[in-house]
Amino acid sequence: ARQRLAREMDRAHALSIAPASLKTGVMI
């Protein structure tokens, strides 16, 4: 899942629409 998220973040950075910060977590 994080690999897919990383690809989308790379795309967002290329388009200058990335979040100011990203925090990821899981439901246990």
mmCIF file of all heavy atoms, coordinates in Angstrom:
data_MODEL
# 
_entry.id   MODEL 
# 
loop_
_atom_site.group_PDB 
_atom_site.id 
_atom_site.type_symbol 
_atom_site.label_atom_id 
_atom_site.label_alt_id 
_atom_site.label_comp_id 
_atom_site.label_asym_id 
_atom_site.label_entity_id 
_atom_site.label_seq_id 
_atom_site.pdbx_PDB_ins_code 
_atom_site.Cartn_x 
_atom_site.Cartn_y 
_atom_site.Cartn_z 
_atom_site.occupancy 
_atom_site.B_iso_or_equiv 
_atom_site.pdbx_formal_charge 
_atom_site.auth_seq_id 
_atom_site.auth_comp_id 
_atom_site.auth_asym_id 
_atom_site.auth_atom_id 
_atom_site.pdbx_PDB_model_num 
ATOM 1   N N   . ALA A 1 1  ? 0.831  -1.204 0.000   1.00 0.00 ? 1  ALA A N   1 
ATOM 2   C CA  . ALA A 1 1  ? 0.000  0.000  0.000   1.00 0.00 ? 1  ALA A CA  1 
ATOM 3   C C   . ALA A 1 1  ? 0.867  1.256  0.000   1.00 0.00 ? 1  ALA A C   1 
ATOM 4   O O   . ALA A 1 1  ? 0.586  2.235  -0.704  1.00 0.00 ? 1  ALA A O   1 
ATOM 5   C CB  . ALA A 1 1  ? -0.929 -0.005 1.209   1.00 0.00 ? 1  ALA A CB  1 
ATOM 6   N N   . ARG A 1 2  ? 1.935  1.248  0.768   1.00 0.00 ? 2  ARG A N   1 
ATOM 7   C CA  . ARG A 1 2  ? 2.819  2.415  0.834   1.00 0.00 ? 2  ARG A CA  1 
ATOM 8   C C   . ARG A 1 2  ? 3.556  2.634  -0.488  1.00 0.00 ? 2  ARG A C   1 
ATOM 9   O O   . ARG A 1 2  ? 3.873  3.779  -0.845  1.00 0.00 ? 2  ARG A O   1 
ATOM 10  C CB  . ARG A 1 2  ? 3.811  2.242  1.988   1.00 0.00 ? 2  ARG A CB  1 
ATOM 11  C CG  . ARG A 1 2  ? 3.179  2.497  3.360   1.00 0.00 ? 2  ARG A CG  1 
ATOM 12  C CD  . ARG A 1 2  ? 4.100  2.036  4.485   1.00 0.00 ? 2  ARG A CD  1 
ATOM 13  N NE  . ARG A 1 2  ? 5.373  2.738  4.440   1.00 0.00 ? 2  ARG A NE  1 
ATOM 14  C CZ  . ARG A 1 2  ? 5.646  3.854  5.138   1.00 0.00 ? 2  ARG A CZ  1 
ATOM 15  N NH1 . ARG A 1 2  ? 4.709  4.396  5.893   1.00 0.00 ? 2  ARG A NH1 1 
ATOM 16  N NH2 . ARG A 1 2  ? 6.837  4.406  5.086   1.00 0.00 ? 2  ARG A NH2 1 
ATOM 17  N N   . GLN A 1 3  ? 3.823  1.571  -1.212  1.00 0.00 ? 3  GLN A N   1 
ATOM 18  C CA  . GLN A 1 3  ? 4.446  1.730  -2.529  1.00 0.00 ? 3  GLN A CA  1 
ATOM 19  C C   . GLN A 1 3  ? 3.524  2.491  -3.476  1.00 0.00 ? 3  GLN A C   1 
ATOM 20  O O   . GLN A 1 3  ? 3.964  3.380  -4.223  1.00 0.00 ? 3  GLN A O   1 
ATOM 21  C CB  . GLN A 1 3  ? 4.796  0.354  -3.108  1.00 0.00 ? 3  GLN A CB  1 
ATOM 22  C CG  . GLN A 1 3  ? 5.971  -0.338 -2.426  1.00 0.00 ? 3  GLN A CG  1 
ATOM 23  C CD  . GLN A 1 3  ? 6.113  -1.789 -2.838  1.00 0.00 ? 3  GLN A CD  1 
ATOM 24  O OE1 . GLN A 1 3  ? 5.398  -2.271 -3.732  1.00 0.00 ? 3  GLN A OE1 1 
ATOM 25  N NE2 . GLN A 1 3  ? 7.018  -2.506 -2.180  1.00 0.00 ? 3  GLN A NE2 1 
ATOM 26  N N   . ARG A 1 4  ? 2.236  2.151  -3.434  1.00 0.00 ? 4  ARG A N   1 
ATOM 27  C CA  . ARG A 1 4  ? 1.268  2.872  -4.269  1.00 0.00 ? 4  ARG A CA  1 
ATOM 28  C C   . ARG A 1 4  ? 1.154  4.329  -3.816  1.00 0.00 ? 4  ARG A C   1 
ATOM 29  O O   . ARG A 1 4  ? 1.046  5.251  -4.639  1.00 0.00 ? 4  ARG A O   1 
ATOM 30  C CB  . ARG A 1 4  ? -0.087 2.180  -4.232  1.00 0.00 ? 4  ARG A CB  1 
ATOM 31  C CG  . ARG A 1 4  ? -0.102 0.841  -4.987  1.00 0.00 ? 4  ARG A CG  1 
ATOM 32  C CD  . ARG A 1 4  ? -1.404 0.099  -4.817  1.00 0.00 ? 4  ARG A CD  1 
ATOM 33  N NE  . ARG A 1 4  ? -1.511 -1.033 -5.716  1.00 0.00 ? 4  ARG A NE  1 
ATOM 34  C CZ  . ARG A 1 4  ? -0.928 -2.212 -5.525  1.00 0.00 ? 4  ARG A CZ  1 
ATOM 35  N NH1 . ARG A 1 4  ? -0.199 -2.397 -4.432  1.00 0.00 ? 4  ARG A NH1 1 
ATOM 36  N NH2 . ARG A 1 4  ? -1.069 -3.192 -6.395  1.00 0.00 ? 4  ARG A NH2 1 
ATOM 37  N N   . LEU A 1 5  ? 1.179  4.536  -2.507  1.00 0.00 ? 5  LEU A N   1 
ATOM 38  C CA  . LEU A 1 5  ? 1.120  5.894  -1.977  1.00 0.00 ? 5  LEU A CA  1 
ATOM 39  C C   . LEU A 1 5  ? 2.353  6.694  -2.406  1.00 0.00 ? 5  LEU A C   1 
ATOM 40  O O   . LEU A 1 5  ? 2.235  7.879  -2.776  1.00 0.00 ? 5  LEU A O   1 
ATOM 41  C CB  . LEU A 1 5  ? 1.010  5.847  -0.451  1.00 0.00 ? 5  LEU A CB  1 
ATOM 42  C CG  . LEU A 1 5  ? 1.028  7.184  0.283   1.00 0.00 ? 5  LEU A CG  1 
ATOM 43  C CD1 . LEU A 1 5  ? -0.129 8.071  -0.171  1.00 0.00 ? 5  LEU A CD1 1 
ATOM 44  C CD2 . LEU A 1 5  ? 0.972  6.959  1.799   1.00 0.00 ? 5  LEU A CD2 1 
ATOM 45  N N   . ALA A 1 6  ? 3.522  6.083  -2.375  1.00 0.00 ? 6  ALA A N   1 
ATOM 46  C CA  . ALA A 1 6  ? 4.754  6.775  -2.768  1.00 0.00 ? 6  ALA A CA  1 
ATOM 47  C C   . ALA A 1 6  ? 4.691  7.220  -4.226  1.00 0.00 ? 6  ALA A C   1 
ATOM 48  O O   . ALA A 1 6  ? 5.128  8.328  -4.570  1.00 0.00 ? 6  ALA A O   1 
ATOM 49  C CB  . ALA A 1 6  ? 5.962  5.865  -2.530  1.00 0.00 ? 6  ALA A CB  1 
ATOM 50  N N   . ARG A 1 7  ? 4.144  6.375  -5.104  1.00 0.00 ? 7  ARG A N   1 
ATOM 51  C CA  . ARG A 1 7  ? 4.040  6.749  -6.511  1.00 0.00 ? 7  ARG A CA  1 
ATOM 52  C C   . ARG A 1 7  ? 3.113  7.952  -6.692  1.00 0.00 ? 7  ARG A C   1 
ATOM 53  O O   . ARG A 1 7  ? 3.378  8.848  -7.499  1.00 0.00 ? 7  ARG A O   1 
ATOM 54  C CB  . ARG A 1 7  ? 3.546  5.556  -7.345  1.00 0.00 ? 7  ARG A CB  1 
ATOM 55  C CG  . ARG A 1 7  ? 4.608  4.482  -7.541  1.00 0.00 ? 7  ARG A CG  1 
ATOM 56  C CD  . ARG A 1 7  ? 4.243  3.555  -8.683  1.00 0.00 ? 7  ARG A CD  1 
ATOM 57  N NE  . ARG A 1 7  ? 3.139  2.679  -8.349  1.00 0.00 ? 7  ARG A NE  1 
ATOM 58  C CZ  . ARG A 1 7  ? 3.264  1.470  -7.801  1.00 0.00 ? 7  ARG A CZ  1 
ATOM 59  N NH1 . ARG A 1 7  ? 4.473  1.000  -7.515  1.00 0.00 ? 7  ARG A NH1 1 
ATOM 60  N NH2 . ARG A 1 7  ? 2.212  0.720  -7.551  1.00 0.00 ? 7  ARG A NH2 1 
ATOM 61  N N   . GLU A 1 8  ? 2.001  7.957  -5.933  1.00 0.00 ? 8  GLU A N   1 
ATOM 62  C CA  . GLU A 1 8  ? 1.080  9.085  -6.034  1.00 0.00 ? 8  GLU A CA  1 
ATOM 63  C C   . GLU A 1 8  ? 1.697  10.358 -5.458  1.00 0.00 ? 8  GLU A C   1 
ATOM 64  O O   . GLU A 1 8  ? 1.448  11.469 -5.955  1.00 0.00 ? 8  GLU A O   1 
ATOM 65  C CB  . GLU A 1 8  ? -0.239 8.762  -5.338  1.00 0.00 ? 8  GLU A CB  1 
ATOM 66  C CG  . GLU A 1 8  ? -1.046 7.665  -6.014  1.00 0.00 ? 8  GLU A CG  1 
ATOM 67  C CD  . GLU A 1 8  ? -1.340 7.983  -7.474  1.00 0.00 ? 8  GLU A CD  1 
ATOM 68  O OE1 . GLU A 1 8  ? -1.592 9.167  -7.801  1.00 0.00 ? 8  GLU A OE1 1 
ATOM 69  O OE2 . GLU A 1 8  ? -1.306 7.042  -8.298  1.00 0.00 ? 8  GLU A OE2 1 
ATOM 70  N N   . MET A 1 9  ? 2.510  10.225 -4.419  1.00 0.00 ? 9  MET A N   1 
ATOM 71  C CA  . MET A 1 9  ? 3.187  11.391 -3.858  1.00 0.00 ? 9  MET A CA  1 
ATOM 72  C C   . MET A 1 9  ? 4.219  11.937 -4.842  1.00 0.00 ? 9  MET A C   1 
ATOM 73  O O   . MET A 1 9  ? 4.378  13.164 -4.979  1.00 0.00 ? 9  MET A O   1 
ATOM 74  C CB  . MET A 1 9  ? 3.844  11.026 -2.527  1.00 0.00 ? 9  MET A CB  1 
ATOM 75  C CG  . MET A 1 9  ? 2.875  10.939 -1.360  1.00 0.00 ? 9  MET A CG  1 
ATOM 76  S SD  . MET A 1 9  ? 2.109  12.544 -0.945  1.00 0.00 ? 9  MET A SD  1 
ATOM 77  C CE  . MET A 1 9  ? 3.544  13.435 -0.316  1.00 0.00 ? 9  MET A CE  1 
ATOM 78  N N   . ASP A 1 10 ? 4.929  11.050 -5.526  1.00 0.00 ? 10 ASP A N   1 
ATOM 79  C CA  . ASP A 1 10 ? 5.898  11.509 -6.540  1.00 0.00 ? 10 ASP A CA  1 
ATOM 80  C C   . ASP A 1 10 ? 5.169  12.299 -7.630  1.00 0.00 ? 10 ASP A C   1 
ATOM 81  O O   . ASP A 1 10 ? 5.655  13.346 -8.084  1.00 0.00 ? 10 ASP A O   1 
ATOM 82  C CB  . ASP A 1 10 ? 6.623  10.313 -7.154  1.00 0.00 ? 10 ASP A CB  1 
ATOM 83  C CG  . ASP A 1 10 ? 7.601  9.662  -6.184  1.00 0.00 ? 10 ASP A CG  1 
ATOM 84  O OD1 . ASP A 1 10 ? 7.970  10.312 -5.178  1.00 0.00 ? 10 ASP A OD1 1 
ATOM 85  O OD2 . ASP A 1 10 ? 7.985  8.500  -6.419  1.00 0.00 ? 10 ASP A OD2 1 
ATOM 86  N N   . ARG A 1 11 ? 4.023  11.800 -8.044  1.00 0.00 ? 11 ARG A N   1 
ATOM 87  C CA  . ARG A 1 11 ? 3.239  12.506 -9.055  1.00 0.00 ? 11 ARG A CA  1 
ATOM 88  C C   . ARG A 1 11 ? 2.800  13.868 -8.545  1.00 0.00 ? 11 ARG A C   1 
ATOM 89  O O   . ARG A 1 11 ? 2.855  14.874 -9.271  1.00 0.00 ? 11 ARG A O   1 
ATOM 90  C CB  . ARG A 1 11 ? 2.019  11.659 -9.433  1.00 0.00 ? 11 ARG A CB  1 
ATOM 91  C CG  . ARG A 1 11 ? 1.057  12.338 -10.391 1.00 0.00 ? 11 ARG A CG  1 
ATOM 92  C CD  . ARG A 1 11 ? -0.171 11.451 -10.643 1.00 0.00 ? 11 ARG A CD  1 
ATOM 93  N NE  . ARG A 1 11 ? -1.142 12.129 -11.503 1.00 0.00 ? 11 ARG A NE  1 
ATOM 94  C CZ  . ARG A 1 11 ? -2.036 13.007 -11.073 1.00 0.00 ? 11 ARG A CZ  1 
ATOM 95  N NH1 . ARG A 1 11 ? -2.109 13.295 -9.768  1.00 0.00 ? 11 ARG A NH1 1 
ATOM 96  N NH2 . ARG A 1 11 ? -2.871 13.577 -11.919 1.00 0.00 ? 11 ARG A NH2 1 
ATOM 97  N N   . ALA A 1 12 ? 2.357  13.938 -7.284  1.00 0.00 ? 12 ALA A N   1 
ATOM 98  C CA  . ALA A 1 12 ? 1.886  15.198 -6.717  1.00 0.00 ? 12 ALA A CA  1 
ATOM 99  C C   . ALA A 1 12 ? 3.024  16.216 -6.627  1.00 0.00 ? 12 ALA A C   1 
ATOM 100 O O   . ALA A 1 12 ? 2.830  17.408 -6.891  1.00 0.00 ? 12 ALA A O   1 
ATOM 101 C CB  . ALA A 1 12 ? 1.275  14.949 -5.344  1.00 0.00 ? 12 ALA A CB  1 
ATOM 102 N N   . HIS A 1 13 ? 4.219  15.757 -6.238  1.00 0.00 ? 13 HIS A N   1 
ATOM 103 C CA  . HIS A 1 13 ? 5.369  16.671 -6.177  1.00 0.00 ? 13 HIS A CA  1 
ATOM 104 C C   . HIS A 1 13 ? 5.696  17.213 -7.567  1.00 0.00 ? 13 HIS A C   1 
ATOM 105 O O   . HIS A 1 13 ? 6.014  18.405 -7.719  1.00 0.00 ? 13 HIS A O   1 
ATOM 106 C CB  . HIS A 1 13 ? 6.576  15.950 -5.588  1.00 0.00 ? 13 HIS A CB  1 
ATOM 107 C CG  . HIS A 1 13 ? 6.536  15.830 -4.094  1.00 0.00 ? 13 HIS A CG  1 
ATOM 108 N ND1 . HIS A 1 13 ? 6.560  16.917 -3.251  1.00 0.00 ? 13 HIS A ND1 1 
ATOM 109 C CD2 . HIS A 1 13 ? 6.460  14.726 -3.278  1.00 0.00 ? 13 HIS A CD2 1 
ATOM 110 C CE1 . HIS A 1 13 ? 6.513  16.514 -1.984  1.00 0.00 ? 13 HIS A CE1 1 
ATOM 111 N NE2 . HIS A 1 13 ? 6.451  15.190 -1.974  1.00 0.00 ? 13 HIS A NE2 1 
ATOM 112 N N   . ALA A 1 14 ? 5.595  16.345 -8.584  1.00 0.00 ? 14 ALA A N   1 
ATOM 113 C CA  . ALA A 1 14 ? 5.889  16.787 -9.952  1.00 0.00 ? 14 ALA A CA  1 
ATOM 114 C C   . ALA A 1 14 ? 4.894  17.840 -10.420 1.00 0.00 ? 14 ALA A C   1 
ATOM 115 O O   . ALA A 1 14 ? 5.244  18.738 -11.202 1.00 0.00 ? 14 ALA A O   1 
ATOM 116 C CB  . ALA A 1 14 ? 5.868  15.593 -10.900 1.00 0.00 ? 14 ALA A CB  1 
ATOM 117 N N   . LEU A 1 15 ? 3.649  17.760 -9.917  1.00 0.00 ? 15 LEU A N   1 
ATOM 118 C CA  . LEU A 1 15 ? 2.611  18.719 -10.294 1.00 0.00 ? 15 LEU A CA  1 
ATOM 119 C C   . LEU A 1 15 ? 2.493  19.870 -9.302  1.00 0.00 ? 15 LEU A C   1 
ATOM 120 O O   . LEU A 1 15 ? 1.610  20.719 -9.443  1.00 0.00 ? 15 LEU A O   1 
ATOM 121 C CB  . LEU A 1 15 ? 1.256  18.002 -10.397 1.00 0.00 ? 15 LEU A CB  1 
ATOM 122 C CG  . LEU A 1 15 ? 1.140  16.921 -11.479 1.00 0.00 ? 15 LEU A CG  1 
ATOM 123 C CD1 . LEU A 1 15 ? -0.189 16.188 -11.351 1.00 0.00 ? 15 LEU A CD1 1 
ATOM 124 C CD2 . LEU A 1 15 ? 1.285  17.537 -12.871 1.00 0.00 ? 15 LEU A CD2 1 
ATOM 125 N N   . SER A 1 16 ? 3.364  19.879 -8.274  1.00 0.00 ? 16 SER A N   1 
ATOM 126 C CA  . SER A 1 16 ? 3.363  20.923 -7.235  1.00 0.00 ? 16 SER A CA  1 
ATOM 127 C C   . SER A 1 16 ? 2.029  20.999 -6.488  1.00 0.00 ? 16 SER A C   1 
ATOM 128 O O   . SER A 1 16 ? 1.535  22.082 -6.157  1.00 0.00 ? 16 SER A O   1 
ATOM 129 C CB  . SER A 1 16 ? 3.690  22.291 -7.853  1.00 0.00 ? 16 SER A CB  1 
ATOM 130 O OG  . SER A 1 16 ? 4.970  22.265 -8.452  1.00 0.00 ? 16 SER A OG  1 
ATOM 131 N N   . ILE A 1 17 ? 1.420  19.834 -6.215  1.00 0.00 ? 17 ILE A N   1 
ATOM 132 C CA  . ILE A 1 17 ? 0.163  19.796 -5.460  1.00 0.00 ? 17 ILE A CA  1 
ATOM 133 C C   . ILE A 1 17 ? 0.275  18.878 -4.248  1.00 0.00 ? 17 ILE A C   1 
ATOM 134 O O   . ILE A 1 17 ? -0.723 18.357 -3.754  1.00 0.00 ? 17 ILE A O   1 
ATOM 135 C CB  . ILE A 1 17 ? -1.016 19.344 -6.352  1.00 0.00 ? 17 ILE A CB  1 
ATOM 136 C CG1 . ILE A 1 17 ? -0.745 17.943 -6.935  1.00 0.00 ? 17 ILE A CG1 1 
ATOM 137 C CG2 . ILE A 1 17 ? -1.312 20.352 -7.438  1.00 0.00 ? 17 ILE A CG2 1 
ATOM 138 C CD1 . ILE A 1 17 ? -1.951 17.329 -7.616  1.00 0.00 ? 17 ILE A CD1 1 
ATOM 139 N N   . ALA A 1 18 ? 1.491  18.685 -3.762  1.00 0.00 ? 18 ALA A N   1 
ATOM 140 C CA  . ALA A 1 18 ? 1.701  17.758 -2.656  1.00 0.00 ? 18 ALA A CA  1 
ATOM 141 C C   . ALA A 1 18 ? 1.249  18.374 -1.331  1.00 0.00 ? 18 ALA A C   1 
ATOM 142 O O   . ALA A 1 18 ? 1.257  19.594 -1.165  1.00 0.00 ? 18 ALA A O   1 
ATOM 143 C CB  . ALA A 1 18 ? 3.173  17.361 -2.567  1.00 0.00 ? 18 ALA A CB  1 
ATOM 144 N N   . PRO A 1 19 ? 0.846  17.540 -0.378  1.00 0.00 ? 19 PRO A N   1 
ATOM 145 C CA  . PRO A 1 19 ? 0.536  18.046 0.963   1.00 0.00 ? 19 PRO A CA  1 
ATOM 146 C C   . PRO A 1 19 ? 1.776  18.644 1.617   1.00 0.00 ? 19 PRO A C   1 
ATOM 147 O O   . PRO A 1 19 ? 2.907  18.317 1.269   1.00 0.00 ? 19 PRO A O   1 
ATOM 148 C CB  . PRO A 1 19 ? 0.074  16.785 1.715   1.00 0.00 ? 19 PRO A CB  1 
ATOM 149 C CG  . PRO A 1 19 ? -0.291 15.796 0.663   1.00 0.00 ? 19 PRO A CG  1 
ATOM 150 C CD  . PRO A 1 19 ? 0.601  16.085 -0.494  1.00 0.00 ? 19 PRO A CD  1 
ATOM 151 N N   . ALA A 1 20 ? 1.543  19.527 2.587   1.00 0.00 ? 20 ALA A N   1 
ATOM 152 C CA  . ALA A 1 20 ? 2.668  20.102 3.321   1.00 0.00 ? 20 ALA A CA  1 
ATOM 153 C C   . ALA A 1 20 ? 3.400  19.037 4.111   1.00 0.00 ? 20 ALA A C   1 
ATOM 154 O O   . ALA A 1 20 ? 4.624  19.107 4.286   1.00 0.00 ? 20 ALA A O   1 
ATOM 155 C CB  . ALA A 1 20 ? 2.166  21.209 4.248   1.00 0.00 ? 20 ALA A CB  1 
ATOM 156 N N   . SER A 1 21 ? 2.664  18.053 4.604   1.00 0.00 ? 21 SER A N   1 
ATOM 157 C CA  . SER A 1 21 ? 3.276  16.925 5.307   1.00 0.00 ? 21 SER A CA  1 
ATOM 158 C C   . SER A 1 21 ? 2.365  15.709 5.161   1.00 0.00 ? 21 SER A C   1 
ATOM 159 O O   . SER A 1 21 ? 1.148  15.859 4.961   1.00 0.00 ? 21 SER A O   1 
ATOM 160 C CB  . SER A 1 21 ? 3.500  17.230 6.786   1.00 0.00 ? 21 SER A CB  1 
ATOM 161 O OG  . SER A 1 21 ? 2.260  17.400 7.455   1.00 0.00 ? 21 SER A OG  1 
ATOM 162 N N   . LEU A 1 22 ? 2.932  14.539 5.243   1.00 0.00 ? 22 LEU A N   1 
ATOM 163 C CA  . LEU A 1 22 ? 2.189  13.286 5.109   1.00 0.00 ? 22 LEU A CA  1 
ATOM 164 C C   . LEU A 1 22 ? 2.532  12.378 6.275   1.00 0.00 ? 22 LEU A C   1 
ATOM 165 O O   . LEU A 1 22 ? 3.712  12.124 6.554   1.00 0.00 ? 22 LEU A O   1 
ATOM 166 C CB  . LEU A 1 22 ? 2.534  12.588 3.792   1.00 0.00 ? 22 LEU A CB  1 
ATOM 167 C CG  . LEU A 1 22 ? 1.962  11.172 3.602   1.00 0.00 ? 22 LEU A CG  1 
ATOM 168 C CD1 . LEU A 1 22 ? 0.440  11.222 3.499   1.00 0.00 ? 22 LEU A CD1 1 
ATOM 169 C CD2 . LEU A 1 22 ? 2.557  10.509 2.372   1.00 0.00 ? 22 LEU A CD2 1 
ATOM 170 N N   . LYS A 1 23 ? 1.500  11.906 6.954   1.00 0.00 ? 23 LYS A N   1 
ATOM 171 C CA  . LYS A 1 23 ? 1.674  10.938 8.030   1.00 0.00 ? 23 LYS A CA  1 
ATOM 172 C C   . LYS A 1 23 ? 0.839  9.706  7.693   1.00 0.00 ? 23 LYS A C   1 
ATOM 173 O O   . LYS A 1 23 ? -0.333 9.833  7.341   1.00 0.00 ? 23 LYS A O   1 
ATOM 174 C CB  . LYS A 1 23 ? 1.252  11.512 9.381   1.00 0.00 ? 23 LYS A CB  1 
ATOM 175 C CG  . LYS A 1 23 ? 2.145  12.648 9.860   1.00 0.00 ? 23 LYS A CG  1 
ATOM 176 C CD  . LYS A 1 23 ? 1.741  13.125 11.240  1.00 0.00 ? 23 LYS A CD  1 
ATOM 177 C CE  . LYS A 1 23 ? 2.672  14.229 11.729  1.00 0.00 ? 23 LYS A CE  1 
ATOM 178 N NZ  . LYS A 1 23 ? 2.289  14.723 13.080  1.00 0.00 ? 23 LYS A NZ  1 
ATOM 179 N N   . THR A 1 24 ? 1.446  8.537  7.815   1.00 0.00 ? 24 THR A N   1 
ATOM 180 C CA  . THR A 1 24 ? 0.738  7.296  7.508   1.00 0.00 ? 24 THR A CA  1 
ATOM 181 C C   . THR A 1 24 ? 0.654  6.419  8.751   1.00 0.00 ? 24 THR A C   1 
ATOM 182 O O   . THR A 1 24 ? 1.591  6.369  9.560   1.00 0.00 ? 24 THR A O   1 
ATOM 183 C CB  . THR A 1 24 ? 1.433  6.511  6.380   1.00 0.00 ? 24 THR A CB  1 
ATOM 184 O OG1 . THR A 1 24 ? 2.796  6.256  6.750   1.00 0.00 ? 24 THR A OG1 1 
ATOM 185 C CG2 . THR A 1 24 ? 1.414  7.297  5.093   1.00 0.00 ? 24 THR A CG2 1 
ATOM 186 N N   . GLY A 1 25 ? -0.469 5.734  8.866   1.00 0.00 ? 25 GLY A N   1 
ATOM 187 C CA  . GLY A 1 25 ? -0.673 4.847  10.003  1.00 0.00 ? 25 GLY A CA  1 
ATOM 188 C C   . GLY A 1 25 ? -1.497 3.642  9.600   1.00 0.00 ? 25 GLY A C   1 
ATOM 189 O O   . GLY A 1 25 ? -1.916 3.509  8.445   1.00 0.00 ? 25 GLY A O   1 
ATOM 190 N N   . VAL A 1 26 ? -1.748 2.770  10.560  1.00 0.00 ? 26 VAL A N   1 
ATOM 191 C CA  . VAL A 1 26 ? -2.542 1.572  10.313  1.00 0.00 ? 26 VAL A CA  1 
ATOM 192 C C   . VAL A 1 26 ? -3.577 1.403  11.414  1.00 0.00 ? 26 VAL A C   1 
ATOM 193 O O   . VAL A 1 26 ? -3.398 1.863  12.536  1.00 0.00 ? 26 VAL A O   1 
ATOM 194 C CB  . VAL A 1 26 ? -1.678 0.290  10.239  1.00 0.00 ? 26 VAL A CB  1 
ATOM 195 C CG1 . VAL A 1 26 ? -0.676 0.370  9.121   1.00 0.00 ? 26 VAL A CG1 1 
ATOM 196 C CG2 . VAL A 1 26 ? -0.984 0.032  11.563  1.00 0.00 ? 26 VAL A CG2 1 
ATOM 197 N N   . MET A 1 27 ? -4.644 0.716  11.043  1.00 0.00 ? 27 MET A N   1 
ATOM 198 C CA  . MET A 1 27 ? -5.616 0.257  12.022  1.00 0.00 ? 27 MET A CA  1 
ATOM 199 C C   . MET A 1 27 ? -5.170 -1.112 12.514  1.00 0.00 ? 27 MET A C   1 
ATOM 200 O O   . MET A 1 27 ? -4.913 -2.009 11.699  1.00 0.00 ? 27 MET A O   1 
ATOM 201 C CB  . MET A 1 27 ? -6.994 0.118  11.378  1.00 0.00 ? 27 MET A CB  1 
ATOM 202 C CG  . MET A 1 27 ? -7.660 1.428  11.013  1.00 0.00 ? 27 MET A CG  1 
ATOM 203 S SD  . MET A 1 27 ? -8.526 2.186  12.389  1.00 0.00 ? 27 MET A SD  1 
ATOM 204 C CE  . MET A 1 27 ? -9.977 1.149  12.512  1.00 0.00 ? 27 MET A CE  1 
ATOM 205 N N   . ILE A 1 28 ? -5.057 -1.257 13.814  1.00 0.00 ? 28 ILE A N   1 
ATOM 206 C CA  . ILE A 1 28 ? -4.778 -2.582 14.372  1.00 0.00 ? 28 ILE A CA  1 
ATOM 207 C C   . ILE A 1 28 ? -6.115 -3.232 14.682  1.00 0.00 ? 28 ILE A C   1 
ATOM 208 O O   . ILE A 1 28 ? -6.812 -2.869 15.625  1.00 0.00 ? 28 ILE A O   1 
ATOM 209 C CB  . ILE A 1 28 ? -3.890 -2.492 15.623  1.00 0.00 ? 28 ILE A CB  1 
ATOM 210 C CG1 . ILE A 1 28 ? -2.501 -2.005 15.229  1.00 0.00 ? 28 ILE A CG1 1 
ATOM 211 C CG2 . ILE A 1 28 ? -3.820 -3.837 16.324  1.00 0.00 ? 28 ILE A CG2 1 
ATOM 212 C CD1 . ILE A 1 28 ? -1.487 -2.067 16.342  1.00 0.00 ? 28 ILE A CD1 1 
# 
